[in-house]
C-alpha atoms as a PDB file:
ATOM      1  CA  MET A   1      93.361 115.358  96.073  1.00  0.00           C
ATOM      2  CA  GLU A   2      97.057 116.127  96.535  1.00  0.00           C
ATOM      3  CA  GLU A   3      98.522 118.736  94.266  1.00  0.00           C
ATOM      4  CA  ILE A   4     100.507 116.698  92.179  1.00  0.00           C
ATOM      5  CA  ASP A   5      97.449 113.904  91.759  1.00  0.00           C
ATOM      6  CA  LYS A   6      95.354 117.039  90.753  1.00  0.00           C
ATOM      7  CA  PHE A   7      98.091 118.227  88.249  1.00  0.00           C
ATOM      8  CA  ILE A   8      97.862 114.807  86.736  1.00  0.00           C
ATOM      9  CA  TYR A   9      94.265 114.337  86.593  1.00  0.00           C
ATOM     10  CA  THR A  10      94.006 118.067  84.920  1.00  0.00           C
ATOM     11  CA  ASN A  11      96.645 116.739  82.177  1.00  0.00           C
ATOM     12  CA  GLU A  12      94.588 113.693  81.832  1.00  0.00           C
ATOM     13  CA  LEU A  13      91.573 115.649  81.275  1.00  0.00           C
ATOM     14  CA  LEU A  14      93.089 118.067  78.968  1.00  0.00           C
ATOM     15  CA  ALA A  15      94.362 114.960  76.791  1.00  0.00           C
ATOM     16  CA  LEU A  16      90.833 113.449  76.846  1.00  0.00           C
ATOM     17  CA  TYR A  17      88.868 116.739  76.417  1.00  0.00           C
ATOM     18  CA  GLY A  18      91.185 119.392  75.209  1.00  0.00           C
ATOM     19  CA  LYS A  19      90.026 119.692  71.686  1.00  0.00           C
ATOM     20  CA  LEU A  20      86.564 120.681  73.215  1.00  0.00           C
ATOM     21  CA  LEU A  21      87.943 123.834  74.622  1.00  0.00           C
ATOM     22  CA  THR A  22      88.290 127.184  72.578  1.00  0.00           C
ATOM     23  CA  PRO A  23      91.659 127.368  70.885  1.00  0.00           C
ATOM     24  CA  LYS A  24      92.927 130.298  73.181  1.00  0.00           C
ATOM     25  CA  GLN A  25      91.893 127.877  76.168  1.00  0.00           C
ATOM     26  CA  PHE A  26      93.724 124.988  74.852  1.00  0.00           C
ATOM     27  CA  GLU A  27      96.706 126.841  74.154  1.00  0.00           C
ATOM     28  CA  VAL A  28      96.635 128.485  77.872  1.00  0.00           C
ATOM     29  CA  MET A  29      96.051 124.956  79.613  1.00  0.00           C
ATOM     30  CA  ARG A  30      98.756 123.451  77.238  1.00  0.00           C
ATOM     31  CA  LEU A  31     101.382 125.863  77.926  1.00  0.00           C
ATOM     32  CA  TYR A  32     100.536 125.755  81.602  1.00  0.00           C
ATOM     33  CA  TYR A  33     100.211 122.034  82.232  1.00  0.00           C
ATOM     34  CA  ASN A  34     102.122 120.466  79.441  1.00  0.00           C
ATOM     35  CA  LEU A  35     105.011 122.859  79.126  1.00  0.00           C
ATOM     36  CA  ASP A  36     105.283 124.141  82.408  1.00  0.00           C
ATOM     37  CA  TYR A  37     105.226 127.841  81.757  1.00  0.00           C
ATOM     38  CA  SER A  38     104.415 130.446  84.499  1.00  0.00           C
ATOM     39  CA  LEU A  39     101.473 132.576  84.266  1.00  0.00           C
ATOM     40  CA  GLN A  40     103.750 135.512  83.426  1.00  0.00           C
ATOM     41  CA  GLU A  41     105.560 133.507  80.658  1.00  0.00           C
ATOM     42  CA  ILE A  42     102.275 132.728  79.267  1.00  0.00           C
ATOM     43  CA  SER A  43     100.967 136.252  79.390  1.00  0.00           C
ATOM     44  CA  GLU A  44     103.842 137.631  77.728  1.00  0.00           C
ATOM     45  CA  ASN A  45     103.774 134.629  74.991  1.00  0.00           C
ATOM     46  CA  LEU A  46     100.051 135.110  74.193  1.00  0.00           C
ATOM     47  CA  SER A  47      99.960 139.268  74.879  1.00  0.00           C
ATOM     48  CA  ILE A  48      97.261 138.929  77.252  1.00  0.00           C
ATOM     49  CA  SER A  49      97.054 140.117  80.922  1.00  0.00           C
ATOM     50  CA  ARG A  50      98.283 137.689  83.955  1.00  0.00           C
ATOM     51  CA  ALA A  51      94.618 137.845  85.157  1.00  0.00           C
ATOM     52  CA  ALA A  52      93.692 136.964  81.754  1.00  0.00           C
ATOM     53  CA  VAL A  53      95.438 134.029  81.855  1.00  0.00           C
ATOM     54  CA  SER A  54      94.755 132.932  85.405  1.00  0.00           C
ATOM     55  CA  ASP A  55      90.719 133.440  84.350  1.00  0.00           C
ATOM     56  CA  THR A  56      91.427 131.296  81.283  1.00  0.00           C
ATOM     57  CA  LEU A  57      93.072 128.366  83.207  1.00  0.00           C
ATOM     58  CA  LYS A  58      90.059 128.463  85.708  1.00  0.00           C
ATOM     59  CA  LYS A  59      87.387 128.437  83.212  1.00  0.00           C
ATOM     60  CA  ALA A  60      88.973 126.016  81.039  1.00  0.00           C
ATOM     61  CA  LEU A  61      89.570 123.790  84.042  1.00  0.00           C
ATOM     62  CA  GLY A  62      85.630 124.100  84.785  1.00  0.00           C
ATOM     63  CA  HIS A  63      84.874 123.012  81.326  1.00  0.00           C
ATOM     64  CA  LEU A  64      87.212 119.979  81.157  1.00  0.00           C
ATOM     65  CA  GLU A  65      85.694 118.850  84.820  1.00  0.00           C
ATOM     66  CA  GLU A  66      81.815 119.487  83.266  1.00  0.00           C
ATOM     67  CA  PHE A  67      82.925 117.183  80.400  1.00  0.00           C
ATOM     68  CA  GLU A  68      84.267 114.512  82.550  1.00  0.00           C
ATOM     69  CA  HIS A  69      81.160 115.069  84.854  1.00  0.00           C
ATOM     70  CA  HIS A  70      78.798 114.380  81.742  1.00  0.00           C
ATOM     71  CA  LEU A  71      81.015 111.985  79.985  1.00  0.00           C
ATOM     72  CA  ALA A  72      83.097 110.263  82.161  1.00  0.00           C
ATOM     73  CA  LEU A  73      85.670 108.888  79.838  1.00  0.00           C
ATOM     74  CA  HIS A  74      88.596 109.170  82.515  1.00  0.00           C
ATOM     75  CA  GLN A  75      86.663 107.214  84.960  1.00  0.00           C
ATOM     76  CA  ARG A  76      85.790 104.737  82.329  1.00  0.00           C
ATOM     77  CA  ASN A  77      89.473 104.438  81.331  1.00  0.00           C
ATOM     78  CA  LYS A  78      90.624 104.182  84.959  1.00  0.00           C
ATOM     79  CA  THR A  79      88.163 101.441  85.391  1.00  0.00           C
ATOM     80  CA  LEU A  80      88.952  99.632  82.154  1.00  0.00           C
ATOM     81  CA  ASN A  81      92.829  99.847  82.886  1.00  0.00           C
ATOM     82  CA  GLN A  82      92.127  98.221  86.245  1.00  0.00           C
ATOM     83  CA  LEU A  83      90.279  95.537  84.856  1.00  0.00           C
ATOM     84  CA  VAL A  84      93.047  94.801  82.364  1.00  0.00           C
ATOM     85  CA  ASP A  85      95.814  95.006  84.897  1.00  0.00           C
ATOM     86  CA  ASP A  86      93.543  92.380  87.248  1.00  0.00           C
ATOM     87  CA  LEU A  87      93.071  90.097  84.127  1.00  0.00           C
ATOM     88  CA  SER A  88      96.680  90.278  83.178  1.00  0.00           C
ATOM     89  CA  GLU A  89      97.757  88.830  86.594  1.00  0.00           C
ATOM     90  CA  GLN A  90      95.485  85.789  85.909  1.00  0.00           C
ATOM     91  CA  ASN A  91      97.195  82.558  84.772  1.00  0.00           C
ATOM     92  CA  LEU A  92      96.339  82.942  80.945  1.00  0.00           C
ATOM     93  CA  ASN A  93      97.418  81.110  77.744  1.00  0.00           C
ATOM     94  CA  ASP A  94      99.564  82.860  75.164  1.00  0.00           C
ATOM     95  CA  ASN A  95      96.514  83.991  72.859  1.00  0.00           C
ATOM     96  CA  ALA A  96      94.845  85.682  75.855  1.00  0.00           C
ATOM     97  CA  LYS A  97      97.860  87.374  76.725  1.00  0.00           C
ATOM     98  CA  LYS A  98      98.220  88.806  73.266  1.00  0.00           C
ATOM     99  CA  ILE A  99      94.739  90.031  73.484  1.00  0.00           C
ATOM    100  CA  ILE A 100      95.078  91.587  76.685  1.00  0.00           C
ATOM    101  CA  GLU A 101      98.445  93.338  75.188  1.00  0.00           C
ATOM    102  CA  LYS A 102      96.159  94.707  72.237  1.00  0.00           C
ATOM    103  CA  ILE A 103      93.565  96.133  74.857  1.00  0.00           C
ATOM    104  CA  LYS A 104      96.388  97.961  76.813  1.00  0.00           C
ATOM    105  CA  GLU A 105      97.538  99.527  73.478  1.00  0.00           C
ATOM    106  CA  GLU A 106      93.804 100.569  72.750  1.00  0.00           C
ATOM    107  CA  LEU A 107      93.454 101.920  76.218  1.00  0.00           C
END
């Protein structure tokens, strides 16, 4: 997986499972992945060592990947989005198109 793909994947996992992390893990992940803070900036903002930031990121990412391994919500969403995209390319009546749009909003 390329670095940018890994970054996007991690952000998606964080959106799905972030609230299952400890508050500190979530905050470190949010600062790093959502707000693009450096390890040093996170260290200074949270008054922890740079090594602690790095360790927290690794542990939190491991937890997110473990959640995905067991729950597979990311894969499920990806599959459902692809099916909806495939369906929306079909020649459908207006009512079916409205239903597809509602499904897309829910996903």
